[in-house]
């Protein structure tokens, strides 16, 4: 076996290379679930103090430093979801607080 074939296929077999696309199981899209939207952190960061203030019943008093808010949300197990259509952040908390981030 040549070194080019060995480098191309680590298992030493000939044929099609094994890629993640070839071996991954396909997932079906759930129609009731919206697609994932990724929002840059610099668009969310200025709105985190308002989010923490709205969640004071769940989290207690907000921290004085805005950089501590993500840690506070993680320890409380609260997830933020972004709605692409309405441009809002929704906190996964019992009160389901929403903040418009425009």
Protein backbone atom coordinates (compact mmCIF):
# COMPACT_ATOMS: atom_id res chain seq x y z
CA UNK A 1 0.00 0.00 0.00
CA UNK A 2 1.33 3.38 -0.89
CA UNK A 3 1.71 6.10 1.68
CA UNK A 4 -0.75 8.28 -0.23
CA UNK A 5 -3.49 5.68 0.22
CA UNK A 6 -2.59 5.20 3.88
CA UNK A 7 -2.72 8.95 4.47
CA UNK A 8 -6.01 9.22 2.62
CA UNK A 9 -7.69 6.40 4.52
CA UNK A 10 -6.38 5.78 8.04
CA UNK A 11 -8.04 2.37 8.23
CA UNK A 12 -5.87 1.22 5.30
CA UNK A 13 -8.84 0.21 3.19
CA UNK A 14 -9.45 1.34 -0.34
CA UNK A 15 -12.74 2.86 -1.42
CA UNK A 16 -14.62 5.90 -0.33
CA UNK A 17 -13.22 7.81 2.62
CA UNK A 18 -15.25 7.73 5.79
CA UNK A 19 -16.56 11.18 6.51
CA UNK A 20 -18.94 12.49 9.09
CA UNK A 21 -21.52 13.07 6.37
CA UNK A 22 -21.32 9.43 5.30
CA UNK A 23 -21.48 7.92 8.79
CA UNK A 24 -23.77 10.30 10.64
CA UNK A 25 -27.37 9.36 11.10
CA UNK A 26 -29.69 11.94 9.54
CA UNK A 27 -31.97 13.86 11.84
CA UNK A 28 -35.44 14.80 10.80
CA UNK A 29 -36.54 18.39 11.11
CA UNK A 30 -39.38 18.86 13.53
CA UNK A 31 -41.93 21.23 11.96
CA UNK A 32 -43.07 22.74 15.28
CA UNK A 33 -39.51 23.63 16.27
CA UNK A 34 -37.92 26.73 14.72
CA UNK A 35 -34.50 26.52 13.14
CA UNK A 36 -31.49 27.44 15.24
CA UNK A 37 -30.56 31.10 15.08
CA UNK A 38 -27.12 32.19 16.14
CA UNK A 39 -26.76 35.65 17.59
CA UNK A 40 -23.44 37.34 18.20
CA UNK A 41 -22.55 37.81 21.82
CA UNK A 42 -22.02 41.56 21.40
CA UNK A 43 -25.72 41.93 20.49
CA UNK A 44 -26.87 40.11 23.64
CA UNK A 45 -24.35 41.35 26.22
CA UNK A 46 -25.82 44.88 26.62
CA UNK A 47 -29.25 43.37 27.40
CA UNK A 48 -28.13 40.91 30.08
CA UNK A 49 -28.47 43.39 32.99
CA UNK A 50 -32.10 43.97 32.01
CA UNK A 51 -32.62 40.22 31.81
CA UNK A 52 -31.12 39.71 35.28
CA UNK A 53 -33.24 42.53 36.66
CA UNK A 54 -36.42 40.93 35.26
CA UNK A 55 -35.41 37.58 36.75
CA UNK A 56 -34.86 38.85 40.31
CA UNK A 57 -37.77 36.73 41.61
CA UNK A 58 -36.02 33.60 40.33
CA UNK A 59 -32.34 34.48 40.77
CA UNK A 60 -32.34 36.89 43.68
CA UNK A 61 -30.70 40.32 43.40
CA UNK A 62 -28.69 40.82 40.20
CA UNK A 63 -24.90 40.93 40.49
CA UNK A 64 -23.26 44.35 40.40
CA UNK A 65 -20.99 43.38 37.51
CA UNK A 66 -22.56 42.56 34.12
CA UNK A 67 -19.84 40.02 33.34
CA UNK A 68 -21.08 37.83 36.22
CA UNK A 69 -24.59 37.46 34.75
CA UNK A 70 -23.81 34.56 32.35
CA UNK A 71 -22.30 32.60 35.26
CA UNK A 72 -25.38 33.35 37.36
CA UNK A 73 -27.69 32.13 34.57
CA UNK A 74 -25.63 28.94 34.11
CA UNK A 75 -25.64 28.07 37.81
CA UNK A 76 -29.40 28.63 37.96
CA UNK A 77 -29.88 26.41 34.90
CA UNK A 78 -31.57 29.16 32.90
CA UNK A 79 -31.22 29.06 29.13
CA UNK A 80 -31.77 32.07 26.89
CA UNK A 81 -33.58 31.48 23.60
CA UNK A 82 -33.57 33.97 20.75
CA UNK A 83 -36.68 34.41 18.61
CA UNK A 84 -35.54 35.47 15.17
CA UNK A 85 -38.96 36.72 14.06
CA UNK A 86 -39.71 38.92 17.09
CA UNK A 87 -36.04 39.63 17.98
CA UNK A 88 -36.55 38.76 21.62
CA UNK A 89 -34.60 36.84 24.23
CA UNK A 90 -36.72 34.52 26.34
CA UNK A 91 -35.43 33.14 29.60
CA UNK A 92 -36.21 29.50 30.27
CA UNK A 93 -37.44 30.25 33.79
CA UNK A 94 -40.84 29.81 35.46
CA UNK A 95 -41.73 33.43 34.65
CA UNK A 96 -40.65 33.12 30.94
CA UNK A 97 -39.31 36.68 30.88
CA UNK A 98 -38.82 38.23 27.43
CA UNK A 99 -36.54 41.07 26.43
CA UNK A 100 -36.60 42.82 23.09
CA UNK A 101 -33.09 43.20 21.67
CA UNK A 102 -34.04 44.70 18.31
